[in-house]
Amino acid sequence: MPRLDPELIADAHNHLAASDPVMAEVINEIGPCTLNRQTNRYRNLVRAIVGQQISGAAARSVFKKLEASVNSKTLTADSVAKLKEGELRAVGLSSQKTRYIRDLTDHVLDKRLNLRSLHYRSDDEVVELLTDVKGIGLWTAQMFLMFSLGRPDILPWGDLGIQVAMKNLYGFESLPSKSECLDVAQPWRPYATIASWYLWRTVD
């Protein structure tokens, strides 16, 4: 998996450390950002759907079985489309997640969702296209922007890990609201993705 551009990471380190004393301490403690960009976009979206509302261990188990069930080296829309509903359910997918993965697969195969072209779309356009798929909401779209497209300025304000880290680091009495998260993140722009990566590291 390719790393984000080293020059971008260096610029982000300098900017975050200069603009936010709390973030400066976090960067000093954790060290350089090693955020990887995941290149199989369809696989990443399927994995996100599989992981909804179940534990990480359960998600890994189901996803591993799903990958083993296709007749290809990795998950593709073509390979998943060949699986019958019973085969999808047999790996541990619920009927709802089976529908979600079918809808994603249909969107990709009929070109309503051209995953390759998303690189050229704005953040808002990517979110709009992805959330047209059943089972893909704002959080999943934000994860895709960060980890598949490598967009440097995404703040997943609704993510529990981000909220817990902000509460711990910035002195909130309870989990911060959307507006409070955006206020904390304002000095990080245009590198909110890298800052979010550091926040996750503090709660890992």
N, C-alpha and C. Protein backbone atom coordinates (compact mmCIF):
# COMPACT_ATOMS: atom_id res chain seq x y z
N MET A 1 0.85 -1.19 0.00
CA MET A 1 0.00 0.00 0.00
C MET A 1 0.88 1.24 0.00
N PRO A 2 0.65 2.17 -0.94
CA PRO A 2 1.51 3.36 -1.01
C PRO A 2 1.25 4.33 0.12
N ARG A 3 2.32 4.95 0.58
CA ARG A 3 2.20 6.01 1.59
C ARG A 3 1.77 7.30 0.90
N LEU A 4 1.22 8.21 1.68
CA LEU A 4 0.96 9.54 1.15
C LEU A 4 2.28 10.21 0.78
N ASP A 5 2.21 11.19 -0.08
CA ASP A 5 3.40 11.89 -0.56
C ASP A 5 4.23 12.41 0.62
N PRO A 6 5.51 12.03 0.69
CA PRO A 6 6.35 12.45 1.83
C PRO A 6 6.45 13.97 1.99
N GLU A 7 6.44 14.68 0.88
CA GLU A 7 6.50 16.14 0.97
C GLU A 7 5.24 16.71 1.60
N LEU A 8 4.08 16.12 1.24
CA LEU A 8 2.82 16.55 1.85
C LEU A 8 2.83 16.27 3.34
N ILE A 9 3.32 15.09 3.73
CA ILE A 9 3.39 14.73 5.15
C ILE A 9 4.29 15.70 5.90
N ALA A 10 5.43 16.03 5.32
CA ALA A 10 6.36 16.97 5.97
C ALA A 10 5.71 18.33 6.14
N ASP A 11 5.04 18.82 5.11
CA ASP A 11 4.35 20.10 5.20
C ASP A 11 3.26 20.05 6.28
N ALA A 12 2.55 18.91 6.34
CA ALA A 12 1.49 18.76 7.35
C ALA A 12 2.07 18.77 8.75
N HIS A 13 3.18 18.06 8.97
CA HIS A 13 3.82 18.07 10.29
C HIS A 13 4.16 19.49 10.72
N ASN A 14 4.78 20.23 9.82
CA ASN A 14 5.20 21.60 10.14
C ASN A 14 4.00 22.48 10.44
N HIS A 15 2.98 22.38 9.61
CA HIS A 15 1.80 23.22 9.79
C HIS A 15 1.06 22.90 11.09
N LEU A 16 0.85 21.61 11.34
CA LEU A 16 0.10 21.20 12.54
C LEU A 16 0.84 21.57 13.81
N ALA A 17 2.15 21.36 13.82
CA ALA A 17 2.95 21.68 15.00
C ALA A 17 2.98 23.17 15.28
N ALA A 18 2.98 23.98 14.21
CA ALA A 18 3.04 25.43 14.37
C ALA A 18 1.69 26.03 14.73
N SER A 19 0.61 25.39 14.32
CA SER A 19 -0.71 26.00 14.48
C SER A 19 -1.46 25.51 15.72
N ASP A 20 -1.02 24.38 16.31
CA ASP A 20 -1.77 23.79 17.42
C ASP A 20 -0.78 23.17 18.41
N PRO A 21 -0.57 23.78 19.58
CA PRO A 21 0.39 23.24 20.56
C PRO A 21 0.05 21.83 21.01
N VAL A 22 -1.23 21.50 21.12
CA VAL A 22 -1.63 20.15 21.51
C VAL A 22 -1.18 19.15 20.46
N MET A 23 -1.44 19.48 19.21
CA MET A 23 -1.05 18.58 18.13
C MET A 23 0.47 18.47 18.04
N ALA A 24 1.17 19.54 18.34
CA ALA A 24 2.64 19.50 18.34
C ALA A 24 3.14 18.45 19.32
N GLU A 25 2.53 18.40 20.51
CA GLU A 25 2.93 17.41 21.52
C GLU A 25 2.61 15.99 21.05
N VAL A 26 1.46 15.82 20.43
CA VAL A 26 1.05 14.50 19.95
C VAL A 26 2.02 14.01 18.87
N ILE A 27 2.37 14.89 17.94
CA ILE A 27 3.29 14.52 16.86
C ILE A 27 4.65 14.16 17.44
N ASN A 28 5.09 14.93 18.42
CA ASN A 28 6.39 14.66 19.05
C ASN A 28 6.40 13.30 19.74
N GLU A 29 5.28 12.93 20.34
CA GLU A 29 5.18 11.67 21.06
C GLU A 29 5.06 10.47 20.12
N ILE A 30 4.26 10.61 19.05
CA ILE A 30 3.95 9.48 18.18
C ILE A 30 4.96 9.32 17.05
N GLY A 31 5.49 10.43 16.58
CA GLY A 31 6.44 10.36 15.48
C GLY A 31 5.77 10.59 14.13
N PRO A 32 6.49 10.35 13.04
CA PRO A 32 5.98 10.67 11.70
C PRO A 32 4.70 9.91 11.36
N CYS A 33 3.85 10.55 10.61
CA CYS A 33 2.61 9.93 10.12
C CYS A 33 2.95 8.86 9.09
N THR A 34 2.37 7.69 9.24
CA THR A 34 2.61 6.59 8.29
C THR A 34 1.30 6.15 7.63
N LEU A 35 0.44 7.10 7.33
CA LEU A 35 -0.85 6.79 6.74
C LEU A 35 -0.65 6.18 5.35
N ASN A 36 -1.26 5.02 5.13
CA ASN A 36 -1.18 4.34 3.84
C ASN A 36 -2.44 4.58 3.02
N ARG A 37 -2.26 4.63 1.73
CA ARG A 37 -3.40 4.75 0.82
C ARG A 37 -3.69 3.38 0.23
N GLN A 38 -4.95 2.94 0.34
CA GLN A 38 -5.36 1.62 -0.12
C GLN A 38 -5.91 1.73 -1.54
N THR A 39 -5.38 0.95 -2.46
CA THR A 39 -5.63 1.20 -3.87
C THR A 39 -6.81 0.44 -4.48
N ASN A 40 -7.25 -0.67 -3.86
CA ASN A 40 -8.38 -1.42 -4.40
C ASN A 40 -9.68 -0.80 -3.88
N ARG A 41 -10.24 0.11 -4.65
CA ARG A 41 -11.35 0.93 -4.16
C ARG A 41 -12.62 0.13 -3.92
N TYR A 42 -12.94 -0.78 -4.81
CA TYR A 42 -14.13 -1.61 -4.62
C TYR A 42 -13.99 -2.46 -3.36
N ARG A 43 -12.83 -3.09 -3.19
CA ARG A 43 -12.58 -3.93 -2.02
C ARG A 43 -12.73 -3.12 -0.73
N ASN A 44 -12.24 -1.89 -0.73
CA ASN A 44 -12.31 -1.06 0.47
C ASN A 44 -13.75 -0.74 0.84
N LEU A 45 -14.58 -0.48 -0.15
CA LEU A 45 -15.98 -0.16 0.12
C LEU A 45 -16.73 -1.41 0.62
N VAL A 46 -16.44 -2.56 0.02
CA VAL A 46 -17.07 -3.80 0.50
C VAL A 46 -16.66 -4.05 1.95
N ARG A 47 -15.39 -3.84 2.23
CA ARG A 47 -14.90 -4.08 3.60
C ARG A 47 -15.60 -3.14 4.59
N ALA A 48 -15.83 -1.91 4.18
CA ALA A 48 -16.52 -0.96 5.06
C ALA A 48 -17.95 -1.41 5.34
N ILE A 49 -18.62 -1.92 4.33
CA ILE A 49 -19.99 -2.41 4.51
C ILE A 49 -19.99 -3.62 5.44
N VAL A 50 -19.07 -4.54 5.22
CA VAL A 50 -18.99 -5.74 6.05
C VAL A 50 -18.80 -5.37 7.52
N GLY A 51 -18.02 -4.33 7.78
CA GLY A 51 -17.68 -3.97 9.15
C GLY A 51 -18.71 -3.18 9.92
N GLN A 52 -19.81 -2.84 9.28
CA GLN A 52 -20.82 -2.01 9.95
C GLN A 52 -21.48 -2.77 11.10
N GLN A 53 -21.46 -2.14 12.28
CA GLN A 53 -22.22 -2.59 13.46
C GLN A 53 -21.83 -3.98 13.96
N ILE A 54 -20.59 -4.42 13.67
CA ILE A 54 -20.08 -5.65 14.26
C ILE A 54 -18.66 -5.39 14.74
N SER A 55 -18.13 -6.27 15.57
CA SER A 55 -16.80 -6.07 16.10
C SER A 55 -15.75 -6.20 15.00
N GLY A 56 -14.59 -5.64 15.27
CA GLY A 56 -13.50 -5.74 14.32
C GLY A 56 -13.13 -7.17 14.01
N ALA A 57 -13.10 -8.01 15.05
CA ALA A 57 -12.74 -9.42 14.86
C ALA A 57 -13.77 -10.14 13.98
N ALA A 58 -15.05 -9.87 14.24
CA ALA A 58 -16.10 -10.50 13.44
C ALA A 58 -16.03 -10.03 11.99
N ALA A 59 -15.77 -8.74 11.80
CA ALA A 59 -15.67 -8.18 10.45
C ALA A 59 -14.52 -8.82 9.68
N ARG A 60 -13.38 -8.98 10.35
CA ARG A 60 -12.22 -9.60 9.68
C ARG A 60 -12.52 -11.03 9.27
N SER A 61 -13.23 -11.75 10.13
CA SER A 61 -13.58 -13.14 9.84
C SER A 61 -14.51 -13.24 8.63
N VAL A 62 -15.55 -12.43 8.62
CA VAL A 62 -16.51 -12.46 7.51
C VAL A 62 -15.82 -12.03 6.21
N PHE A 63 -15.02 -11.00 6.29
CA PHE A 63 -14.37 -10.48 5.09
C PHE A 63 -13.38 -11.51 4.52
N LYS A 64 -12.66 -12.19 5.39
CA LYS A 64 -11.72 -13.22 4.95
C LYS A 64 -12.47 -14.34 4.22
N LYS A 65 -13.61 -14.75 4.76
CA LYS A 65 -14.41 -15.79 4.11
C LYS A 65 -14.96 -15.31 2.77
N LEU A 66 -15.35 -14.04 2.71
CA LEU A 66 -15.86 -13.50 1.45
C LEU A 66 -14.77 -13.51 0.39
N GLU A 67 -13.57 -13.07 0.76
CA GLU A 67 -12.47 -13.07 -0.20
C GLU A 67 -12.15 -14.49 -0.68
N ALA A 68 -12.25 -15.44 0.22
CA ALA A 68 -11.94 -16.84 -0.14
C ALA A 68 -13.01 -17.43 -1.05
N SER A 69 -14.20 -16.83 -1.05
CA SER A 69 -15.31 -17.41 -1.80
C SER A 69 -15.32 -17.01 -3.28
N VAL A 70 -14.55 -16.00 -3.65
CA VAL A 70 -14.55 -15.54 -5.04
C VAL A 70 -13.46 -16.22 -5.84
N ASN A 71 -13.72 -16.37 -7.12
CA ASN A 71 -12.78 -17.05 -7.99
C ASN A 71 -11.84 -16.04 -8.65
N SER A 72 -11.14 -15.30 -7.81
CA SER A 72 -10.17 -14.31 -8.31
C SER A 72 -9.19 -14.01 -7.19
N LYS A 73 -8.09 -13.34 -7.53
CA LYS A 73 -7.06 -13.06 -6.54
C LYS A 73 -7.53 -12.07 -5.48
N THR A 74 -8.45 -11.19 -5.85
CA THR A 74 -8.97 -10.21 -4.91
C THR A 74 -10.42 -9.91 -5.25
N LEU A 75 -11.08 -9.18 -4.39
CA LEU A 75 -12.48 -8.85 -4.63
C LEU A 75 -12.60 -7.84 -5.77
N THR A 76 -13.43 -8.17 -6.74
CA THR A 76 -13.80 -7.24 -7.80
C THR A 76 -15.31 -7.29 -7.95
N ALA A 77 -15.87 -6.27 -8.57
CA ALA A 77 -17.32 -6.27 -8.80
C ALA A 77 -17.73 -7.47 -9.66
N ASP A 78 -16.91 -7.81 -10.64
CA ASP A 78 -17.22 -8.95 -11.51
C ASP A 78 -17.24 -10.25 -10.73
N SER A 79 -16.25 -10.44 -9.85
CA SER A 79 -16.18 -11.71 -9.11
C SER A 79 -17.30 -11.83 -8.09
N VAL A 80 -17.64 -10.73 -7.43
CA VAL A 80 -18.72 -10.76 -6.44
C VAL A 80 -20.07 -10.94 -7.11
N ALA A 81 -20.24 -10.36 -8.30
CA ALA A 81 -21.52 -10.47 -9.02
C ALA A 81 -21.85 -11.92 -9.35
N LYS A 82 -20.84 -12.77 -9.45
CA LYS A 82 -21.06 -14.18 -9.80
C LYS A 82 -21.52 -15.01 -8.60
N LEU A 83 -21.40 -14.46 -7.40
CA LEU A 83 -21.83 -15.19 -6.20
C LEU A 83 -23.35 -15.10 -6.04
N LYS A 84 -23.97 -16.22 -5.70
CA LYS A 84 -25.39 -16.24 -5.45
C LYS A 84 -25.66 -15.71 -4.04
N GLU A 85 -26.91 -15.33 -3.79
CA GLU A 85 -27.24 -14.77 -2.48
C GLU A 85 -26.90 -15.76 -1.37
N GLY A 86 -27.17 -17.03 -1.60
CA GLY A 86 -26.87 -18.03 -0.58
C GLY A 86 -25.38 -18.12 -0.27
N GLU A 87 -24.55 -17.90 -1.28
CA GLU A 87 -23.11 -17.93 -1.07
C GLU A 87 -22.65 -16.72 -0.26
N LEU A 88 -23.27 -15.57 -0.51
CA LEU A 88 -22.94 -14.38 0.27
C LEU A 88 -23.39 -14.54 1.72
N ARG A 89 -24.57 -15.10 1.91
CA ARG A 89 -25.07 -15.30 3.27
C ARG A 89 -24.22 -16.34 4.01
N ALA A 90 -23.68 -17.30 3.27
CA ALA A 90 -22.91 -18.39 3.90
C ALA A 90 -21.60 -17.90 4.52
N VAL A 91 -21.08 -16.77 4.07
CA VAL A 91 -19.83 -16.27 4.66
C VAL A 91 -20.09 -15.47 5.93
N GLY A 92 -21.37 -15.25 6.25
CA GLY A 92 -21.72 -14.55 7.48
C GLY A 92 -22.34 -13.19 7.28
N LEU A 93 -22.67 -12.85 6.03
CA LEU A 93 -23.31 -11.57 5.77
C LEU A 93 -24.80 -11.63 6.10
N SER A 94 -25.30 -10.58 6.70
CA SER A 94 -26.75 -10.48 6.94
C SER A 94 -27.46 -10.23 5.61
N SER A 95 -28.77 -10.41 5.61
CA SER A 95 -29.53 -10.14 4.38
C SER A 95 -29.41 -8.67 3.99
N GLN A 96 -29.35 -7.79 4.99
CA GLN A 96 -29.23 -6.36 4.70
C GLN A 96 -27.88 -6.04 4.06
N LYS A 97 -26.80 -6.57 4.61
CA LYS A 97 -25.48 -6.31 4.05
C LYS A 97 -25.32 -6.96 2.68
N THR A 98 -25.98 -8.09 2.48
CA THR A 98 -25.98 -8.72 1.15
C THR A 98 -26.60 -7.78 0.13
N ARG A 99 -27.71 -7.13 0.51
CA ARG A 99 -28.36 -6.17 -0.39
C ARG A 99 -27.44 -4.98 -0.65
N TYR A 100 -26.77 -4.52 0.39
CA TYR A 100 -25.87 -3.38 0.24
C TYR A 100 -24.74 -3.69 -0.73
N ILE A 101 -24.13 -4.87 -0.58
CA ILE A 101 -23.02 -5.25 -1.44
C ILE A 101 -23.50 -5.47 -2.87
N ARG A 102 -24.70 -6.02 -3.02
CA ARG A 102 -25.28 -6.16 -4.36
C ARG A 102 -25.49 -4.78 -5.00
N ASP A 103 -25.98 -3.82 -4.22
CA ASP A 103 -26.24 -2.50 -4.77
C ASP A 103 -24.94 -1.81 -5.17
N LEU A 104 -23.90 -1.93 -4.33
CA LEU A 104 -22.60 -1.39 -4.68
C LEU A 104 -22.08 -2.03 -5.96
N THR A 105 -22.17 -3.34 -6.03
CA THR A 105 -21.69 -4.06 -7.21
C THR A 105 -22.42 -3.61 -8.47
N ASP A 106 -23.75 -3.47 -8.37
CA ASP A 106 -24.53 -3.00 -9.52
C ASP A 106 -24.12 -1.59 -9.94
N HIS A 107 -23.91 -0.71 -8.97
CA HIS A 107 -23.49 0.65 -9.27
C HIS A 107 -22.16 0.67 -10.03
N VAL A 108 -21.24 -0.21 -9.62
CA VAL A 108 -19.92 -0.25 -10.26
C VAL A 108 -20.02 -0.85 -11.66
N LEU A 109 -20.77 -1.93 -11.80
CA LEU A 109 -20.83 -2.62 -13.09
C LEU A 109 -21.59 -1.82 -14.15
N ASP A 110 -22.62 -1.09 -13.73
CA ASP A 110 -23.35 -0.31 -14.74
C ASP A 110 -22.85 1.13 -14.87
N LYS A 111 -21.70 1.41 -14.22
CA LYS A 111 -20.98 2.68 -14.35
C LYS A 111 -21.67 3.88 -13.71
N ARG A 112 -22.73 3.63 -12.92
CA ARG A 112 -23.26 4.75 -12.14
C ARG A 112 -22.20 5.24 -11.16
N LEU A 113 -21.35 4.33 -10.71
CA LEU A 113 -20.24 4.67 -9.82
C LEU A 113 -18.95 4.23 -10.51
N ASN A 114 -18.27 5.19 -11.11
CA ASN A 114 -16.99 4.91 -11.78
C ASN A 114 -15.88 5.17 -10.76
N LEU A 115 -15.40 4.11 -10.15
CA LEU A 115 -14.44 4.27 -9.05
C LEU A 115 -13.13 4.90 -9.52
N ARG A 116 -12.73 4.63 -10.75
CA ARG A 116 -11.48 5.22 -11.24
C ARG A 116 -11.59 6.73 -11.41
N SER A 117 -12.76 7.20 -11.80
CA SER A 117 -12.91 8.63 -12.06
C SER A 117 -13.05 9.46 -10.79
N LEU A 118 -13.25 8.80 -9.64
CA LEU A 118 -13.44 9.56 -8.40
C LEU A 118 -12.20 10.37 -8.04
N HIS A 119 -11.06 9.95 -8.53
CA HIS A 119 -9.81 10.69 -8.29
C HIS A 119 -9.93 12.13 -8.77
N TYR A 120 -10.74 12.35 -9.79
CA TYR A 120 -10.85 13.68 -10.41
C TYR A 120 -12.03 14.48 -9.87
N ARG A 121 -12.77 13.92 -8.95
CA ARG A 121 -13.95 14.58 -8.39
C ARG A 121 -13.59 15.33 -7.12
N SER A 122 -14.39 16.35 -6.80
CA SER A 122 -14.19 17.07 -5.54
C SER A 122 -14.63 16.19 -4.38
N ASP A 123 -14.23 16.57 -3.16
CA ASP A 123 -14.64 15.81 -1.98
C ASP A 123 -16.15 15.70 -1.90
N ASP A 124 -16.85 16.80 -2.11
CA ASP A 124 -18.32 16.79 -2.01
C ASP A 124 -18.94 15.90 -3.09
N GLU A 125 -18.38 15.93 -4.29
CA GLU A 125 -18.91 15.09 -5.36
C GLU A 125 -18.71 13.61 -5.05
N VAL A 126 -17.55 13.27 -4.48
CA VAL A 126 -17.30 11.87 -4.10
C VAL A 126 -18.31 11.41 -3.05
N VAL A 127 -18.55 12.25 -2.05
CA VAL A 127 -19.53 11.91 -1.02
C VAL A 127 -20.91 11.70 -1.63
N GLU A 128 -21.30 12.58 -2.54
CA GLU A 128 -22.62 12.48 -3.16
C GLU A 128 -22.76 11.18 -3.95
N LEU A 129 -21.74 10.83 -4.71
CA LEU A 129 -21.79 9.61 -5.53
C LEU A 129 -21.79 8.36 -4.67
N LEU A 130 -20.97 8.34 -3.64
CA LEU A 130 -20.89 7.15 -2.79
C LEU A 130 -22.15 6.94 -1.97
N THR A 131 -22.70 8.02 -1.43
CA THR A 131 -23.87 7.87 -0.56
C THR A 131 -25.14 7.57 -1.35
N ASP A 132 -25.04 7.55 -2.67
CA ASP A 132 -26.16 7.08 -3.51
C ASP A 132 -26.29 5.57 -3.43
N VAL A 133 -25.25 4.90 -2.95
CA VAL A 133 -25.26 3.44 -2.80
C VAL A 133 -25.87 3.08 -1.45
N LYS A 134 -26.76 2.10 -1.45
CA LYS A 134 -27.37 1.65 -0.19
C LYS A 134 -26.28 1.15 0.76
N GLY A 135 -26.35 1.59 2.00
CA GLY A 135 -25.41 1.12 3.01
C GLY A 135 -24.15 1.95 3.12
N ILE A 136 -23.97 2.95 2.27
CA ILE A 136 -22.82 3.83 2.36
C ILE A 136 -23.29 5.21 2.81
N GLY A 137 -22.84 5.60 4.00
CA GLY A 137 -23.20 6.90 4.54
C GLY A 137 -22.01 7.84 4.54
N LEU A 138 -22.16 8.95 5.23
CA LEU A 138 -21.12 9.98 5.24
C LEU A 138 -19.81 9.44 5.80
N TRP A 139 -19.87 8.69 6.92
CA TRP A 139 -18.63 8.21 7.54
C TRP A 139 -17.84 7.32 6.58
N THR A 140 -18.52 6.38 5.93
CA THR A 140 -17.85 5.49 4.99
C THR A 140 -17.25 6.28 3.84
N ALA A 141 -17.99 7.28 3.36
CA ALA A 141 -17.47 8.12 2.28
C ALA A 141 -16.23 8.89 2.73
N GLN A 142 -16.25 9.37 3.96
CA GLN A 142 -15.07 10.09 4.49
C GLN A 142 -13.87 9.16 4.61
N MET A 143 -14.09 7.93 5.08
CA MET A 143 -12.99 6.96 5.17
C MET A 143 -12.41 6.68 3.78
N PHE A 144 -13.28 6.61 2.80
CA PHE A 144 -12.84 6.37 1.42
C PHE A 144 -11.99 7.54 0.93
N LEU A 145 -12.44 8.75 1.20
CA LEU A 145 -11.67 9.94 0.80
C LEU A 145 -10.28 9.93 1.44
N MET A 146 -10.22 9.54 2.69
CA MET A 146 -8.95 9.55 3.41
C MET A 146 -8.02 8.43 2.98
N PHE A 147 -8.54 7.20 3.00
CA PHE A 147 -7.68 6.03 2.88
C PHE A 147 -7.60 5.45 1.48
N SER A 148 -8.53 5.77 0.60
CA SER A 148 -8.45 5.30 -0.78
C SER A 148 -7.95 6.40 -1.72
N LEU A 149 -8.48 7.61 -1.56
CA LEU A 149 -8.08 8.71 -2.44
C LEU A 149 -6.95 9.55 -1.87
N GLY A 150 -6.66 9.39 -0.59
CA GLY A 150 -5.55 10.14 0.01
C GLY A 150 -5.81 11.63 0.10
N ARG A 151 -7.08 12.03 0.26
CA ARG A 151 -7.39 13.45 0.38
C ARG A 151 -6.87 13.98 1.72
N PRO A 152 -6.15 15.10 1.74
CA PRO A 152 -5.43 15.51 2.94
C PRO A 152 -6.24 16.30 3.97
N ASP A 153 -7.47 16.72 3.62
CA ASP A 153 -8.16 17.64 4.52
C ASP A 153 -9.56 17.16 4.87
N ILE A 154 -9.68 15.92 5.33
CA ILE A 154 -10.96 15.33 5.71
C ILE A 154 -11.03 15.21 7.23
N LEU A 155 -12.13 15.66 7.79
CA LEU A 155 -12.36 15.54 9.24
C LEU A 155 -13.61 14.69 9.48
N PRO A 156 -13.46 13.43 9.88
CA PRO A 156 -14.63 12.60 10.17
C PRO A 156 -15.17 12.91 11.56
N TRP A 157 -15.84 14.03 11.68
CA TRP A 157 -16.24 14.56 12.99
C TRP A 157 -17.20 13.63 13.73
N GLY A 158 -17.92 12.76 13.01
CA GLY A 158 -18.86 11.86 13.66
C GLY A 158 -18.23 10.56 14.14
N ASP A 159 -16.94 10.38 13.90
CA ASP A 159 -16.25 9.16 14.29
C ASP A 159 -16.01 9.15 15.80
N LEU A 160 -16.35 8.05 16.46
CA LEU A 160 -16.23 7.99 17.92
C LEU A 160 -14.79 8.16 18.37
N GLY A 161 -13.85 7.54 17.66
CA GLY A 161 -12.44 7.67 18.04
C GLY A 161 -11.96 9.11 17.98
N ILE A 162 -12.38 9.84 16.97
CA ILE A 162 -12.01 11.25 16.85
C ILE A 162 -12.60 12.04 18.01
N GLN A 163 -13.87 11.78 18.32
CA GLN A 163 -14.53 12.51 19.40
C GLN A 163 -13.88 12.21 20.76
N VAL A 164 -13.56 10.94 21.00
CA VAL A 164 -12.92 10.56 22.27
C VAL A 164 -11.56 11.22 22.39
N ALA A 165 -10.78 11.20 21.31
CA ALA A 165 -9.45 11.81 21.33
C ALA A 165 -9.54 13.31 21.59
N MET A 166 -10.50 13.97 20.95
CA MET A 166 -10.66 15.41 21.18
C MET A 166 -11.06 15.69 22.62
N LYS A 167 -11.96 14.86 23.16
CA LYS A 167 -12.37 15.03 24.56
C LYS A 167 -11.16 14.90 25.48
N ASN A 168 -10.33 13.89 25.23
CA ASN A 168 -9.17 13.65 26.08
C ASN A 168 -8.12 14.76 25.97
N LEU A 169 -7.89 15.22 24.74
CA LEU A 169 -6.78 16.14 24.49
C LEU A 169 -7.15 17.60 24.68
N TYR A 170 -8.41 17.94 24.46
CA TYR A 170 -8.79 19.36 24.43
C TYR A 170 -9.72 19.76 25.57
N GLY A 171 -9.90 18.87 26.54
CA GLY A 171 -10.57 19.25 27.77
C GLY A 171 -12.07 19.35 27.74
N PHE A 172 -12.73 18.68 26.81
CA PHE A 172 -14.19 18.68 26.80
C PHE A 172 -14.70 17.79 27.94
N GLU A 173 -15.82 18.20 28.55
CA GLU A 173 -16.40 17.40 29.63
C GLU A 173 -17.16 16.19 29.08
N SER A 174 -17.65 16.31 27.86
CA SER A 174 -18.34 15.20 27.20
C SER A 174 -17.87 15.16 25.74
N LEU A 175 -18.34 14.20 25.01
CA LEU A 175 -17.91 14.10 23.61
C LEU A 175 -18.31 15.37 22.86
N PRO A 176 -17.39 15.94 22.09
CA PRO A 176 -17.69 17.21 21.41
C PRO A 176 -18.73 17.05 20.31
N SER A 177 -19.47 18.12 20.10
CA SER A 177 -20.47 18.16 19.04
C SER A 177 -19.77 18.38 17.69
N LYS A 178 -20.55 18.35 16.64
CA LYS A 178 -20.00 18.62 15.31
C LYS A 178 -19.33 19.99 15.26
N SER A 179 -20.02 21.01 15.76
CA SER A 179 -19.47 22.37 15.70
C SER A 179 -18.21 22.49 16.54
N GLU A 180 -18.17 21.80 17.68
CA GLU A 180 -16.96 21.83 18.51
C GLU A 180 -15.79 21.11 17.83
N CYS A 181 -16.08 20.01 17.17
CA CYS A 181 -15.04 19.31 16.41
C CYS A 181 -14.49 20.20 15.31
N LEU A 182 -15.38 20.87 14.59
CA LEU A 182 -14.94 21.74 13.50
C LEU A 182 -14.11 22.91 14.02
N ASP A 183 -14.48 23.42 15.20
CA ASP A 183 -13.72 24.53 15.79
C ASP A 183 -12.30 24.07 16.16
N VAL A 184 -12.19 22.88 16.78
CA VAL A 184 -10.87 22.37 17.14
C VAL A 184 -10.02 22.17 15.89
N ALA A 185 -10.65 21.70 14.83
CA ALA A 185 -9.91 21.34 13.62
C ALA A 185 -9.55 22.53 12.75
N GLN A 186 -10.13 23.69 13.00
CA GLN A 186 -9.90 24.82 12.11
C GLN A 186 -8.41 25.14 11.91
N PRO A 187 -7.58 25.14 12.96
CA PRO A 187 -6.16 25.42 12.75
C PRO A 187 -5.42 24.34 11.94
N TRP A 188 -6.02 23.17 11.84
CA TRP A 188 -5.34 22.07 11.12
C TRP A 188 -5.43 22.21 9.61
N ARG A 189 -6.43 22.95 9.13
CA ARG A 189 -6.63 23.05 7.68
C ARG A 189 -5.39 23.57 7.00
N PRO A 190 -4.98 22.99 5.86
CA PRO A 190 -5.67 21.98 5.04
C PRO A 190 -5.15 20.57 5.24
N TYR A 191 -4.88 20.19 6.49
CA TYR A 191 -4.30 18.86 6.77
C TYR A 191 -5.09 18.12 7.84
N ALA A 192 -6.42 18.21 7.80
CA ALA A 192 -7.24 17.56 8.83
C ALA A 192 -7.13 16.04 8.77
N THR A 193 -6.87 15.47 7.61
CA THR A 193 -6.70 14.02 7.51
C THR A 193 -5.52 13.55 8.34
N ILE A 194 -4.40 14.23 8.20
CA ILE A 194 -3.20 13.83 8.94
C ILE A 194 -3.42 14.03 10.44
N ALA A 195 -4.06 15.15 10.82
CA ALA A 195 -4.37 15.37 12.23
C ALA A 195 -5.30 14.28 12.77
N SER A 196 -6.28 13.88 11.97
CA SER A 196 -7.20 12.82 12.40
C SER A 196 -6.45 11.51 12.61
N TRP A 197 -5.50 11.22 11.74
CA TRP A 197 -4.68 10.02 11.90
C TRP A 197 -3.98 10.05 13.26
N TYR A 198 -3.44 11.21 13.65
CA TYR A 198 -2.78 11.32 14.95
C TYR A 198 -3.79 11.14 16.09
N LEU A 199 -4.98 11.69 15.95
CA LEU A 199 -5.99 11.52 17.00
C LEU A 199 -6.30 10.04 17.21
N TRP A 200 -6.47 9.31 16.12
CA TRP A 200 -6.74 7.87 16.26
C TRP A 200 -5.61 7.15 16.99
N ARG A 201 -4.38 7.55 16.69
CA ARG A 201 -3.24 6.89 17.33
C ARG A 201 -3.28 7.08 18.85
N THR A 202 -3.79 8.21 19.32
CA THR A 202 -3.80 8.47 20.76
C THR A 202 -4.81 7.60 21.50
N VAL A 203 -5.79 7.04 20.80
CA VAL A 203 -6.80 6.20 21.46
C VAL A 203 -6.65 4.73 21.09
N ASP A 204 -5.68 4.39 20.25
CA ASP A 204 -5.47 2.99 19.87
C ASP A 204 -5.04 2.17 21.08
